[in-house]
Amino acid sequence: MSPTNSFPNWQADYAAHNIPTIPVEFVRDGNQIRKKPMVGNAGRFGLGGSNKIASEFAGAPGIGFMCGRRSGITVLDWDSQDERGFVAALDRHGATPLVARTASGKLHAYYRHNGERRWIRPRRDVPIDILGGGLNVAPPSRIETDQYQFIQGSLDDVARLPVLRNLAQGLSADAVPTDWGSMREGDGRNNAFFRLLGRAAHHCDDFDQLFDYATTRNAELGEPMEPAEVVKVAQSVWKMQVEGRNRFGQHGAWVPVQLSRKLASYPNTYTLYGVLRAENGPHSIFPIANAMAPKLGIGRHLLEEQLVEQVSPDTQHHAALYRWPLPRGLGEIGGGVS
């Protein structure tokens, strides 16, 4: 192995982009290859710990990082070599500048972490894992004669990753995170439970069905909620459902009447704004094509009304990036997907 093709150099590249990494080895088990961290407590490594151990694993064949808050990355793992299906998945969940091919020819799309959990095959009909936590093996890891590699973009694109859109379309109504059985009070359990019931309510005929579902899922938690709390959450969700306010698993845009009246004079801007609200969640960073901005009056209308904030300017090769401002006045609007 050449000095430049070793874990310490890989680790330094990722560390330069604020991604703590760990060495990974690959163990053959019959026809399967298992990916195994070469350090203990892998999920606790930050940049300092990663830097400290790098020189000890010069011969490591693989490098990986923990998806989620520690790396700031969520990976859409397309568990198939069907590239047409992968393109359809990107159409559904949003284009990203950073895509990797695994050693087995499967595909990873990188997104900015936006609170996603780790979902392994959440839909039986779509070969997708959503890695919002846990280990992700990354380029340029090597397995026998094959290698992970970025086939679109580079680590320089990490700073401008978009968030994964339309997450609910990638989940079955009854999908639960793989760490559901370990969730306890204080680690997002209550919020995850509420969202789960919100998605499931669309498929329930009455409150009794939803409550039965809630009781079953609650019993699977690492620390189940009190029965009275389960009743309270189920009643709240069902009330939203019958009143037509349940937006979990749904996507669209809502515009306050005052803002609607203002934008009515600029139909192109109004149309673009509605599409952006429907397709991007509250924490999204999204591009607006260079050719569209002057044509649809983005600078004059959306920016003047403080409906978007520019994150980075346009360049010859990339469109300018925008985000939603903090809620204020007419900006207190809903949109995106729950």
C-alpha atoms as a PDB file:
ATOM      1  CA  MET A   1       0.000   0.000   0.000  1.00  0.00           C
ATOM      2  CA  SER A   2       1.435   3.396  -0.965  1.00  0.00           C
ATOM      3  CA  PRO A   3       1.719   6.044   1.792  1.00  0.00           C
ATOM      4  CA  THR A   4      -0.933   8.187   0.102  1.00  0.00           C
ATOM      5  CA  ASN A   5      -3.354   5.265  -0.174  1.00  0.00           C
ATOM      6  CA  SER A   6      -3.723   4.567   3.520  1.00  0.00           C
ATOM      7  CA  PHE A   7      -6.173   5.201   6.312  1.00  0.00           C
ATOM      8  CA  PRO A   8      -4.207   8.127   7.870  1.00  0.00           C
ATOM      9  CA  ASN A   9      -4.428  10.044   4.587  1.00  0.00           C
ATOM     10  CA  TRP A  10      -8.088   9.172   4.081  1.00  0.00           C
ATOM     11  CA  GLN A  11      -8.824  10.186   7.663  1.00  0.00           C
ATOM     12  CA  ALA A  12      -7.108  13.542   7.153  1.00  0.00           C
ATOM     13  CA  ASP A  13      -9.186  14.239   4.027  1.00  0.00           C
ATOM     14  CA  TYR A  14     -12.445  13.590   5.877  1.00  0.00           C
ATOM     15  CA  ALA A  15     -11.288  15.507   8.973  1.00  0.00           C
ATOM     16  CA  ALA A  16     -10.616  18.540   6.772  1.00  0.00           C
ATOM     17  CA  HIS A  17     -14.353  18.474   6.033  1.00  0.00           C
ATOM     18  CA  ASN A  18     -15.313  18.056   9.721  1.00  0.00           C
ATOM     19  CA  ILE A  19     -16.196  14.364   9.415  1.00  0.00           C
ATOM     20  CA  PRO A  20     -14.727  12.116  12.125  1.00  0.00           C
ATOM     21  CA  THR A  21     -13.917   8.672  10.756  1.00  0.00           C
ATOM     22  CA  ILE A  22     -12.885   5.258  12.014  1.00  0.00           C
ATOM     23  CA  PRO A  23     -10.979   2.347  10.424  1.00  0.00           C
ATOM     24  CA  VAL A  24     -13.113  -0.509   9.113  1.00  0.00           C
ATOM     25  CA  GLU A  25     -12.270  -4.117   8.279  1.00  0.00           C
ATOM     26  CA  PHE A  26     -14.220  -6.609   6.183  1.00  0.00           C
ATOM     27  CA  VAL A  27     -14.771 -10.167   7.365  1.00  0.00           C
ATOM     28  CA  ARG A  28     -16.048 -12.843   4.991  1.00  0.00           C
ATOM     29  CA  ASP A  29     -18.792 -15.024   6.444  1.00  0.00           C
ATOM     30  CA  GLY A  30     -19.717 -17.578   3.786  1.00  0.00           C
ATOM     31  CA  ASN A  31     -21.093 -15.588   0.852  1.00  0.00           C
ATOM     32  CA  GLN A  32     -21.511 -12.467   2.963  1.00  0.00           C
ATOM     33  CA  ILE A  33     -18.961  -9.803   3.866  1.00  0.00           C
ATOM     34  CA  ARG A  34     -19.480  -8.157   7.238  1.00  0.00           C
ATOM     35  CA  LYS A  35     -18.264  -4.619   7.890  1.00  0.00           C
ATOM     36  CA  LYS A  36     -16.643  -4.273  11.284  1.00  0.00           C
ATOM     37  CA  PRO A  37     -15.201  -1.188  13.052  1.00  0.00           C
ATOM     38  CA  MET A  38     -11.605  -1.771  14.123  1.00  0.00           C
ATOM     39  CA  VAL A  39     -12.041   0.319  17.281  1.00  0.00           C
ATOM     40  CA  GLY A  40     -14.318   0.041  20.296  1.00  0.00           C
ATOM     41  CA  ASN A  41     -17.042   2.598  21.048  1.00  0.00           C
ATOM     42  CA  ALA A  42     -16.997   3.612  17.387  1.00  0.00           C
ATOM     43  CA  GLY A  43     -20.061   5.804  17.764  1.00  0.00           C
ATOM     44  CA  ARG A  44     -18.312   8.091  20.247  1.00  0.00           C
ATOM     45  CA  PHE A  45     -15.372   9.157  18.093  1.00  0.00           C
ATOM     46  CA  GLY A  46     -15.139  12.862  17.365  1.00  0.00           C
ATOM     47  CA  LEU A  47     -12.495  14.623  15.292  1.00  0.00           C
ATOM     48  CA  GLY A  48     -10.007  14.608  18.167  1.00  0.00           C
ATOM     49  CA  GLY A  49     -10.298  10.883  18.768  1.00  0.00           C
ATOM     50  CA  SER A  50     -10.251  10.157  15.043  1.00  0.00           C
ATOM     51  CA  ASN A  51      -7.048  12.166  14.576  1.00  0.00           C
ATOM     52  CA  LYS A  52      -5.435  10.453  17.547  1.00  0.00           C
ATOM     53  CA  ILE A  53      -5.880   6.879  16.322  1.00  0.00           C
ATOM     54  CA  ALA A  54      -5.282   7.452  12.594  1.00  0.00           C
ATOM     55  CA  SER A  55      -1.596   6.534  12.556  1.00  0.00           C
ATOM     56  CA  GLU A  56      -2.285   3.267  14.399  1.00  0.00           C
ATOM     57  CA  PHE A  57      -4.328   1.843  11.503  1.00  0.00           C
ATOM     58  CA  ALA A  58      -2.248   2.573   8.410  1.00  0.00           C
ATOM     59  CA  GLY A  59      -3.123  -0.828   6.989  1.00  0.00           C
ATOM     60  CA  ALA A  60      -6.893  -0.583   7.488  1.00  0.00           C
ATOM     61  CA  PRO A  61      -8.712  -1.575   4.268  1.00  0.00           C
ATOM     62  CA  GLY A  62     -11.717   0.624   4.950  1.00  0.00           C
ATOM     63  CA  ILE A  63     -12.864   3.917   6.358  1.00  0.00           C
ATOM     64  CA  GLY A  64     -16.289   4.750   7.755  1.00  0.00           C
ATOM     65  CA  PHE A  65     -18.195   7.407   9.657  1.00  0.00           C
ATOM     66  CA  MET A  66     -21.252   7.512  11.859  1.00  0.00           C
ATOM     67  CA  CYS A  67     -24.237   9.005  10.068  1.00  0.00           C
ATOM     68  CA  GLY A  68     -26.325  11.542  11.958  1.00  0.00           C
ATOM     69  CA  ARG A  69     -25.411  14.440  14.178  1.00  0.00           C
ATOM     70  CA  ARG A  70     -21.761  13.489  14.613  1.00  0.00           C
ATOM     71  CA  SER A  71     -20.945  13.658  10.888  1.00  0.00           C
ATOM     72  CA  GLY A  72     -23.857  15.867   9.806  1.00  0.00           C
ATOM     73  CA  ILE A  73     -24.660  13.400   7.013  1.00  0.00           C
ATOM     74  CA  THR A  74     -27.601  11.150   6.133  1.00  0.00           C
ATOM     75  CA  VAL A  75     -27.035   8.527   3.439  1.00  0.00           C
ATOM     76  CA  LEU A  76     -29.712   7.141   1.131  1.00  0.00           C
ATOM     77  CA  ASP A  77     -28.433   3.595   0.585  1.00  0.00           C
ATOM     78  CA  TRP A  78     -29.773   2.220  -2.731  1.00  0.00           C
ATOM     79  CA  ASP A  79     -29.405  -1.510  -2.156  1.00  0.00           C
ATOM     80  CA  SER A  80     -29.531  -2.458  -5.815  1.00  0.00           C
ATOM     81  CA  GLN A  81     -27.508  -2.121  -9.014  1.00  0.00           C
ATOM     82  CA  ASP A  82     -30.582  -0.862 -10.883  1.00  0.00           C
ATOM     83  CA  GLU A  83     -29.457   2.659 -11.788  1.00  0.00           C
ATOM     84  CA  ARG A  84     -32.833   3.618 -13.267  1.00  0.00           C
ATOM     85  CA  GLY A  85     -34.463   2.889  -9.929  1.00  0.00           C
ATOM     86  CA  PHE A  86     -31.804   4.984  -8.216  1.00  0.00           C
ATOM     87  CA  VAL A  87     -32.536   7.924 -10.520  1.00  0.00           C
ATOM     88  CA  ALA A  88     -36.237   7.598  -9.655  1.00  0.00           C
ATOM     89  CA  ALA A  89     -35.315   7.635  -5.957  1.00  0.00           C
ATOM     90  CA  LEU A  90     -33.368  10.871  -6.460  1.00  0.00           C
ATOM     91  CA  ASP A  91     -36.350  12.383  -8.279  1.00  0.00           C
ATOM     92  CA  ARG A  92     -38.446  11.538  -5.223  1.00  0.00           C
ATOM     93  CA  HIS A  93     -36.017  12.511  -2.481  1.00  0.00           C
ATOM     94  CA  GLY A  94     -34.024  15.274  -4.156  1.00  0.00           C
ATOM     95  CA  ALA A  95     -30.869  15.566  -6.225  1.00  0.00           C
ATOM     96  CA  THR A  96     -27.553  15.704  -4.394  1.00  0.00           C
ATOM     97  CA  PRO A  97     -24.087  16.668  -5.629  1.00  0.00           C
ATOM     98  CA  LEU A  98     -22.396  13.740  -3.843  1.00  0.00           C
ATOM     99  CA  VAL A  99     -22.964  10.117  -4.901  1.00  0.00           C
ATOM    100  CA  ALA A 100     -20.781   7.079  -4.182  1.00  0.00           C
ATOM    101  CA  ARG A 101     -20.662   3.591  -5.639  1.00  0.00           C
ATOM    102  CA  THR A 102     -19.983   0.748  -3.214  1.00  0.00           C
ATOM    103  CA  ALA A 103     -17.565  -2.097  -3.834  1.00  0.00           C
ATOM    104  CA  SER A 104     -20.528  -4.303  -4.800  1.00  0.00           C
ATOM    105  CA  GLY A 105     -21.819  -1.775  -7.342  1.00  0.00           C
ATOM    106  CA  LYS A 106     -24.640  -0.329  -5.245  1.00  0.00           C
ATOM    107  CA  LEU A 107     -25.169   3.399  -4.744  1.00  0.00           C
ATOM    108  CA  HIS A 108     -25.065   5.875  -1.860  1.00  0.00           C
ATOM    109  CA  ALA A 109     -26.570   9.370  -2.110  1.00  0.00           C
ATOM    110  CA  TYR A 110     -25.301  11.815   0.524  1.00  0.00           C
ATOM    111  CA  TYR A 111     -27.554  14.411   2.200  1.00  0.00           C
ATOM    112  CA  ARG A 112     -27.251  16.882   5.059  1.00  0.00           C
ATOM    113  CA  HIS A 113     -28.559  15.309   8.253  1.00  0.00           C
ATOM    114  CA  ASN A 114     -31.956  16.730   9.169  1.00  0.00           C
ATOM    115  CA  GLY A 115     -32.949  14.598  12.148  1.00  0.00           C
ATOM    116  CA  GLU A 116     -33.479  11.355  10.211  1.00  0.00           C
ATOM    117  CA  ARG A 117     -33.090   8.100  12.102  1.00  0.00           C
ATOM    118  CA  ARG A 118     -31.666   4.818  10.815  1.00  0.00           C
ATOM    119  CA  TRP A 119     -34.312   3.018   8.758  1.00  0.00           C
ATOM    120  CA  ILE A 120     -33.380  -0.354   7.238  1.00  0.00           C
ATOM    121  CA  ARG A 121     -35.646  -1.285   4.318  1.00  0.00           C
ATOM    122  CA  PRO A 122     -38.592   0.832   5.587  1.00  0.00           C
ATOM    123  CA  ARG A 123     -40.570  -0.079   2.475  1.00  0.00           C
ATOM    124  CA  ARG A 124     -40.666  -3.657   1.311  1.00  0.00           C
ATOM    125  CA  ASP A 125     -41.185  -2.612  -2.318  1.00  0.00           C
ATOM    126  CA  VAL A 126     -38.220  -0.232  -2.572  1.00  0.00           C
ATOM    127  CA  PRO A 127     -34.574  -1.304  -1.970  1.00  0.00           C
ATOM    128  CA  ILE A 128     -33.667   1.716   0.149  1.00  0.00           C
ATOM    129  CA  ASP A 129     -32.063   2.050   3.562  1.00  0.00           C
ATOM    130  CA  ILE A 130     -32.076   5.534   5.075  1.00  0.00           C
ATOM    131  CA  LEU A 131     -28.966   5.896   7.211  1.00  0.00           C
ATOM    132  CA  GLY A 132     -29.566   8.729   9.645  1.00  0.00           C
ATOM    133  CA  GLY A 133     -27.442   6.929  12.235  1.00  0.00           C
ATOM    134  CA  GLY A 134     -24.988   4.066  12.523  1.00  0.00           C
ATOM    135  CA  LEU A 135     -21.944   3.166  10.453  1.00  0.00           C
ATOM    136  CA  ASN A 136     -21.541   4.061   6.796  1.00  0.00           C
ATOM    137  CA  VAL A 137     -18.552   2.657   4.883  1.00  0.00           C
ATOM    138  CA  ALA A 138     -17.129   5.382   2.663  1.00  0.00           C
ATOM    139  CA  PRO A 139     -14.745   5.839  -0.285  1.00  0.00           C
ATOM    140  CA  PRO A 140     -11.998   4.850  -0.897  1.00  0.00           C
ATOM    141  CA  SER A 141     -12.507   1.691   1.185  1.00  0.00           C
ATOM    142  CA  ARG A 142     -11.351  -1.541  -0.505  1.00  0.00           C
ATOM    143  CA  ILE A 143     -12.958  -4.994  -0.335  1.00  0.00           C
ATOM    144  CA  GLU A 144     -10.777  -7.651  -1.957  1.00  0.00           C
ATOM    145  CA  THR A 145     -10.479  -6.459  -5.574  1.00  0.00           C
ATOM    146  CA  ASP A 146     -13.253  -3.856  -5.440  1.00  0.00           C
ATOM    147  CA  GLN A 147     -13.342  -0.328  -4.060  1.00  0.00           C
ATOM    148  CA  TYR A 148     -15.797   2.309  -2.885  1.00  0.00           C
ATOM    149  CA  GLN A 149     -15.564   5.498  -4.931  1.00  0.00           C
ATOM    150  CA  PHE A 150     -17.308   8.806  -5.452  1.00  0.00           C
ATOM    151  CA  ILE A 151     -18.845   8.770  -8.924  1.00  0.00           C
ATOM    152  CA  GLN A 152     -20.336  12.251  -8.619  1.00  0.00           C
ATOM    153  CA  GLY A 153     -18.813  15.103  -6.664  1.00  0.00           C
ATOM    154  CA  SER A 154     -16.136  15.001  -3.978  1.00  0.00           C
ATOM    155  CA  LEU A 155     -15.746  15.746  -0.279  1.00  0.00           C
ATOM    156  CA  ASP A 156     -15.663  19.433  -1.217  1.00  0.00           C
ATOM    157  CA  ASP A 157     -19.418  19.107  -1.867  1.00  0.00           C
ATOM    158  CA  VAL A 158     -20.186  18.128   1.739  1.00  0.00           C
ATOM    159  CA  ALA A 159     -20.623  21.791   2.718  1.00  0.00           C
ATOM    160  CA  ARG A 160     -23.480  22.221   0.238  1.00  0.00           C
ATOM    161  CA  LEU A 161     -25.410  18.997   0.681  1.00  0.00           C
ATOM    162  CA  PRO A 162     -29.216  19.396   0.551  1.00  0.00           C
ATOM    163  CA  VAL A 163     -31.526  17.713   3.017  1.00  0.00           C
ATOM    164  CA  LEU A 164     -33.378  14.579   1.977  1.00  0.00           C
ATOM    165  CA  ARG A 165     -36.889  15.495   0.780  1.00  0.00           C
ATOM    166  CA  ASN A 166     -40.164  13.612   0.961  1.00  0.00           C
ATOM    167  CA  LEU A 167     -38.957  11.225   3.632  1.00  0.00           C
ATOM    168  CA  ALA A 168     -42.487   9.996   4.278  1.00  0.00           C
ATOM    169  CA  GLN A 169     -42.701   8.692   0.695  1.00  0.00           C
ATOM    170  CA  GLY A 170     -39.775   6.417   1.518  1.00  0.00           C
ATOM    171  CA  LEU A 171     -41.447   4.941   4.595  1.00  0.00           C
ATOM    172  CA  SER A 172     -44.292   2.517   5.028  1.00  0.00           C
ATOM    173  CA  ALA A 173     -47.016   3.698   7.365  1.00  0.00           C
ATOM    174  CA  ASP A 174     -45.936   1.082   9.895  1.00  0.00           C
ATOM    175  CA  ALA A 175     -42.167   1.612   9.523  1.00  0.00           C
ATOM    176  CA  VAL A 176     -40.259   2.135  12.751  1.00  0.00           C
ATOM    177  CA  PRO A 177     -36.595   3.105  13.266  1.00  0.00           C
ATOM    178  CA  THR A 178     -34.206   0.202  13.780  1.00  0.00           C
ATOM    179  CA  ASP A 179     -33.306   1.657  17.172  1.00  0.00           C
ATOM    180  CA  TRP A 180     -36.979   1.768  18.242  1.00  0.00           C
ATOM    181  CA  GLY A 181     -36.411  -1.014  20.762  1.00  0.00           C
ATOM    182  CA  SER A 182     -33.807   1.041  22.598  1.00  0.00           C
ATOM    183  CA  MET A 183     -35.593   4.405  22.597  1.00  0.00           C
ATOM    184  CA  ARG A 184     -36.243   5.914  26.012  1.00  0.00           C
ATOM    185  CA  GLU A 185     -37.599   9.132  27.444  1.00  0.00           C
ATOM    186  CA  GLY A 186     -35.404  12.085  26.573  1.00  0.00           C
ATOM    187  CA  ASP A 187     -33.866  10.698  23.365  1.00  0.00           C
ATOM    188  CA  GLY A 188     -36.597  11.747  20.933  1.00  0.00           C
ATOM    189  CA  ARG A 189     -38.929   8.871  21.806  1.00  0.00           C
ATOM    190  CA  ASN A 190     -42.078  10.954  22.306  1.00  0.00           C
ATOM    191  CA  ASN A 191     -41.620  12.939  19.103  1.00  0.00           C
ATOM    192  CA  ALA A 192     -40.890   9.790  17.087  1.00  0.00           C
ATOM    193  CA  PHE A 193     -43.990   8.133  18.548  1.00  0.00           C
ATOM    194  CA  PHE A 194     -46.192  11.114  17.682  1.00  0.00           C
ATOM    195  CA  ARG A 195     -44.890  11.214  14.107  1.00  0.00           C
ATOM    196  CA  LEU A 196     -45.334   7.462  13.713  1.00  0.00           C
ATOM    197  CA  LEU A 197     -48.992   7.665  14.757  1.00  0.00           C
ATOM    198  CA  GLY A 198     -49.480  10.659  12.456  1.00  0.00           C
ATOM    199  CA  ARG A 199     -48.388   8.629   9.442  1.00  0.00           C
ATOM    200  CA  ALA A 200     -50.351   5.567  10.508  1.00  0.00           C
ATOM    201  CA  ALA A 201     -53.608   7.504  11.087  1.00  0.00           C
ATOM    202  CA  HIS A 202     -54.114   7.935   7.330  1.00  0.00           C
ATOM    203  CA  HIS A 203     -54.597   4.162   7.108  1.00  0.00           C
ATOM    204  CA  CYS A 204     -56.927   3.726  10.120  1.00  0.00           C
ATOM    205  CA  ASP A 205     -60.715   3.570   9.820  1.00  0.00           C
ATOM    206  CA  ASP A 206     -61.405   4.748  13.359  1.00  0.00           C
ATOM    207  CA  PHE A 207     -59.787   5.715  16.654  1.00  0.00           C
ATOM    208  CA  ASP A 208     -59.862   2.157  17.977  1.00  0.00           C
ATOM    209  CA  GLN A 209     -57.639   0.995  15.122  1.00  0.00           C
ATOM    210  CA  LEU A 210     -55.158   3.792  15.741  1.00  0.00           C
ATOM    211  CA  PHE A 211     -55.142   3.145  19.495  1.00  0.00           C
ATOM    212  CA  ASP A 212     -54.550  -0.576  18.957  1.00  0.00           C
ATOM    213  CA  TYR A 213     -51.618   0.265  16.681  1.00  0.00           C
ATOM    214  CA  ALA A 214     -50.275   2.766  19.249  1.00  0.00           C
ATOM    215  CA  THR A 215     -50.476   0.198  22.042  1.00  0.00           C
ATOM    216  CA  THR A 216     -48.594  -2.382  20.003  1.00  0.00           C
ATOM    217  CA  ARG A 217     -45.807   0.018  19.005  1.00  0.00           C
ATOM    218  CA  ASN A 218     -45.497   1.450  22.508  1.00  0.00           C
ATOM    219  CA  ALA A 219     -44.863  -2.025  23.933  1.00  0.00           C
ATOM    220  CA  GLU A 220     -41.889  -2.384  21.554  1.00  0.00           C
ATOM    221  CA  LEU A 221     -40.086   0.692  22.899  1.00  0.00           C
ATOM    222  CA  GLY A 222     -37.024   0.346  25.097  1.00  0.00           C
ATOM    223  CA  GLU A 223     -38.903   2.365  27.712  1.00  0.00           C
ATOM    224  CA  PRO A 224     -42.654   2.307  26.941  1.00  0.00           C
ATOM    225  CA  MET A 225     -44.727   5.403  27.606  1.00  0.00           C
ATOM    226  CA  GLU A 226     -47.325   5.379  30.364  1.00  0.00           C
ATOM    227  CA  PRO A 227     -50.738   4.066  29.151  1.00  0.00           C
ATOM    228  CA  ALA A 228     -52.395   7.406  29.903  1.00  0.00           C
ATOM    229  CA  GLU A 229     -49.819   9.190  27.748  1.00  0.00           C
ATOM    230  CA  VAL A 230     -50.408   6.750  24.884  1.00  0.00           C
ATOM    231  CA  VAL A 231     -54.147   7.511  25.036  1.00  0.00           C
ATOM    232  CA  LYS A 232     -53.434  11.251  25.049  1.00  0.00           C
ATOM    233  CA  VAL A 233     -51.127  11.091  22.019  1.00  0.00           C
ATOM    234  CA  ALA A 234     -53.483   8.838  20.059  1.00  0.00           C
ATOM    235  CA  GLN A 235     -56.443  11.130  20.786  1.00  0.00           C
ATOM    236  CA  SER A 236     -54.468  14.177  19.703  1.00  0.00           C
ATOM    237  CA  VAL A 237     -53.426  12.544  16.439  1.00  0.00           C
ATOM    238  CA  TRP A 238     -56.922  11.272  15.697  1.00  0.00           C
ATOM    239  CA  LYS A 239     -58.374  14.729  16.302  1.00  0.00           C
ATOM    240  CA  MET A 240     -55.921  16.109  13.725  1.00  0.00           C
ATOM    241  CA  GLN A 241     -56.929  13.336  11.339  1.00  0.00           C
ATOM    242  CA  VAL A 242     -60.695  13.875  11.498  1.00  0.00           C
ATOM    243  CA  GLU A 243     -60.290  17.664  11.264  1.00  0.00           C
ATOM    244  CA  GLY A 244     -58.140  17.359   8.146  1.00  0.00           C
ATOM    245  CA  ARG A 245     -55.052  18.789   9.864  1.00  0.00           C
ATOM    246  CA  ASN A 246     -52.894  15.682   9.810  1.00  0.00           C
ATOM    247  CA  ARG A 247     -50.000  16.570   7.512  1.00  0.00           C
ATOM    248  CA  PHE A 248     -47.695  13.751   8.602  1.00  0.00           C
ATOM    249  CA  GLY A 249     -46.680  11.806   5.522  1.00  0.00           C
ATOM    250  CA  GLN A 250     -48.242  14.486   3.329  1.00  0.00           C
ATOM    251  CA  HIS A 251     -46.523  17.225   1.399  1.00  0.00           C
ATOM    252  CA  GLY A 252     -47.653  20.568   0.025  1.00  0.00           C
ATOM    253  CA  ALA A 253     -47.574  24.284   0.735  1.00  0.00           C
ATOM    254  CA  TRP A 254     -49.744  26.661   2.709  1.00  0.00           C
ATOM    255  CA  VAL A 255     -49.597  30.421   2.113  1.00  0.00           C
ATOM    256  CA  PRO A 256     -51.168  32.990   4.493  1.00  0.00           C
ATOM    257  CA  VAL A 257     -53.830  35.185   2.890  1.00  0.00           C
ATOM    258  CA  GLN A 258     -51.825  38.409   3.285  1.00  0.00           C
ATOM    259  CA  LEU A 259     -48.826  36.936   1.543  1.00  0.00           C
ATOM    260  CA  SER A 260     -51.046  35.355  -1.097  1.00  0.00           C
ATOM    261  CA  ARG A 261     -52.459  38.796  -1.936  1.00  0.00           C
ATOM    262  CA  LYS A 262     -48.983  40.297  -2.205  1.00  0.00           C
ATOM    263  CA  LEU A 263     -47.627  37.593  -4.468  1.00  0.00           C
ATOM    264  CA  ALA A 264     -50.747  37.496  -6.654  1.00  0.00           C
ATOM    265  CA  SER A 265     -49.286  40.400  -8.623  1.00  0.00           C
ATOM    266  CA  TYR A 266     -46.249  38.281  -9.476  1.00  0.00           C
ATOM    267  CA  PRO A 267     -47.668  34.958 -10.727  1.00  0.00           C
ATOM    268  CA  ASN A 268     -44.280  33.501 -11.727  1.00  0.00           C
ATOM    269  CA  THR A 269     -42.824  34.255  -8.323  1.00  0.00           C
ATOM    270  CA  TYR A 270     -45.952  32.916  -6.640  1.00  0.00           C
ATOM    271  CA  THR A 271     -45.667  29.653  -8.582  1.00  0.00           C
ATOM    272  CA  LEU A 272     -41.998  29.177  -7.808  1.00  0.00           C
ATOM    273  CA  TYR A 273     -42.516  30.022  -4.149  1.00  0.00           C
ATOM    274  CA  GLY A 274     -45.299  27.455  -3.858  1.00  0.00           C
ATOM    275  CA  VAL A 275     -43.139  24.744  -5.420  1.00  0.00           C
ATOM    276  CA  LEU A 276     -40.187  25.574  -3.153  1.00  0.00           C
ATOM    277  CA  ARG A 277     -42.382  25.483  -0.036  1.00  0.00           C
ATOM    278  CA  ALA A 278     -43.911  22.157  -1.004  1.00  0.00           C
ATOM    279  CA  GLU A 279     -40.604  20.504  -1.839  1.00  0.00           C
ATOM    280  CA  ASN A 280     -38.325  21.804   0.943  1.00  0.00           C
ATOM    281  CA  GLY A 281     -38.636  21.419   4.687  1.00  0.00           C
ATOM    282  CA  PRO A 282     -38.010  24.188   7.253  1.00  0.00           C
ATOM    283  CA  HIS A 283     -34.273  23.468   7.540  1.00  0.00           C
ATOM    284  CA  SER A 284     -33.574  22.827   3.862  1.00  0.00           C
ATOM    285  CA  ILE A 285     -30.898  24.510   1.789  1.00  0.00           C
ATOM    286  CA  PHE A 286     -32.001  24.512  -1.838  1.00  0.00           C
ATOM    287  CA  PRO A 287     -30.775  25.814  -5.212  1.00  0.00           C
ATOM    288  CA  ILE A 288     -32.639  28.137  -7.526  1.00  0.00           C
ATOM    289  CA  ALA A 289     -31.330  27.779 -11.066  1.00  0.00           C
ATOM    290  CA  ASN A 290     -29.327  30.758 -12.286  1.00  0.00           C
ATOM    291  CA  ALA A 291     -31.500  31.054 -15.386  1.00  0.00           C
ATOM    292  CA  MET A 292     -34.689  31.167 -13.316  1.00  0.00           C
ATOM    293  CA  ALA A 293     -33.700  33.816 -10.803  1.00  0.00           C
ATOM    294  CA  PRO A 294     -33.828  36.898 -13.069  1.00  0.00           C
ATOM    295  CA  LYS A 295     -36.754  35.545 -15.070  1.00  0.00           C
ATOM    296  CA  LEU A 296     -38.968  34.944 -12.054  1.00  0.00           C
ATOM    297  CA  GLY A 297     -37.838  37.969 -10.045  1.00  0.00           C
ATOM    298  CA  ILE A 298     -36.281  36.057  -7.154  1.00  0.00           C
ATOM    299  CA  GLY A 299     -34.003  38.882  -6.088  1.00  0.00           C
ATOM    300  CA  ARG A 300     -36.686  41.524  -6.349  1.00  0.00           C
ATOM    301  CA  HIS A 301     -39.616  39.654  -4.852  1.00  0.00           C
ATOM    302  CA  LEU A 302     -38.703  36.702  -2.619  1.00  0.00           C
ATOM    303  CA  LEU A 303     -35.611  38.373  -1.184  1.00  0.00           C
ATOM    304  CA  GLU A 304     -37.332  41.754  -0.758  1.00  0.00           C
ATOM    305  CA  GLU A 305     -40.190  40.099   1.094  1.00  0.00           C
ATOM    306  CA  GLN A 306     -37.608  38.222   3.216  1.00  0.00           C
ATOM    307  CA  LEU A 307     -39.150  34.920   2.188  1.00  0.00           C
ATOM    308  CA  VAL A 308     -35.773  33.365   1.400  1.00  0.00           C
ATOM    309  CA  GLU A 309     -32.190  34.067   2.425  1.00  0.00           C
ATOM    310  CA  GLN A 310     -29.231  33.536   0.127  1.00  0.00           C
ATOM    311  CA  VAL A 311     -26.665  31.106   1.524  1.00  0.00           C
ATOM    312  CA  SER A 312     -24.122  31.215  -1.296  1.00  0.00           C
ATOM    313  CA  PRO A 313     -23.894  33.076  -4.618  1.00  0.00           C
ATOM    314  CA  ASP A 314     -24.196  31.470  -8.011  1.00  0.00           C
ATOM    315  CA  THR A 315     -21.071  30.403  -9.878  1.00  0.00           C
ATOM    316  CA  GLN A 316     -20.374  29.329 -13.418  1.00  0.00           C
ATOM    317  CA  HIS A 317     -21.121  25.712 -12.541  1.00  0.00           C
ATOM    318  CA  HIS A 318     -23.501  25.880  -9.587  1.00  0.00           C
ATOM    319  CA  ALA A 319     -26.751  27.708  -8.866  1.00  0.00           C
ATOM    320  CA  ALA A 320     -27.051  29.985  -5.846  1.00  0.00           C
ATOM    321  CA  LEU A 321     -28.251  28.290  -2.657  1.00  0.00           C
ATOM    322  CA  TYR A 322     -31.065  29.595  -0.456  1.00  0.00           C
ATOM    323  CA  ARG A 323     -32.787  28.722   2.808  1.00  0.00           C
ATOM    324  CA  TRP A 324     -35.924  29.747   4.662  1.00  0.00           C
ATOM    325  CA  PRO A 325     -35.448  32.632   7.133  1.00  0.00           C
ATOM    326  CA  LEU A 326     -36.334  32.361  10.784  1.00  0.00           C
ATOM    327  CA  PRO A 327     -40.114  32.802  11.247  1.00  0.00           C
ATOM    328  CA  ARG A 328     -41.191  36.411  11.413  1.00  0.00           C
ATOM    329  CA  GLY A 329     -44.252  38.292  10.266  1.00  0.00           C
ATOM    330  CA  LEU A 330     -45.521  36.956   6.969  1.00  0.00           C
ATOM    331  CA  GLY A 331     -42.676  34.460   7.002  1.00  0.00           C
ATOM    332  CA  GLU A 332     -44.456  32.299   9.601  1.00  0.00           C
ATOM    333  CA  ILE A 333     -45.642  29.836   7.029  1.00  0.00           C
ATOM    334  CA  GLY A 334     -45.953  26.103   6.696  1.00  0.00           C
ATOM    335  CA  GLY A 335     -44.655  23.815   4.029  1.00  0.00           C
ATOM    336  CA  GLY A 336     -42.487  20.835   3.244  1.00  0.00           C
ATOM    337  CA  VAL A 337     -43.061  17.356   4.590  1.00  0.00           C
ATOM    338  CA  SER A 338     -43.566  16.096   8.121  1.00  0.00           C
END
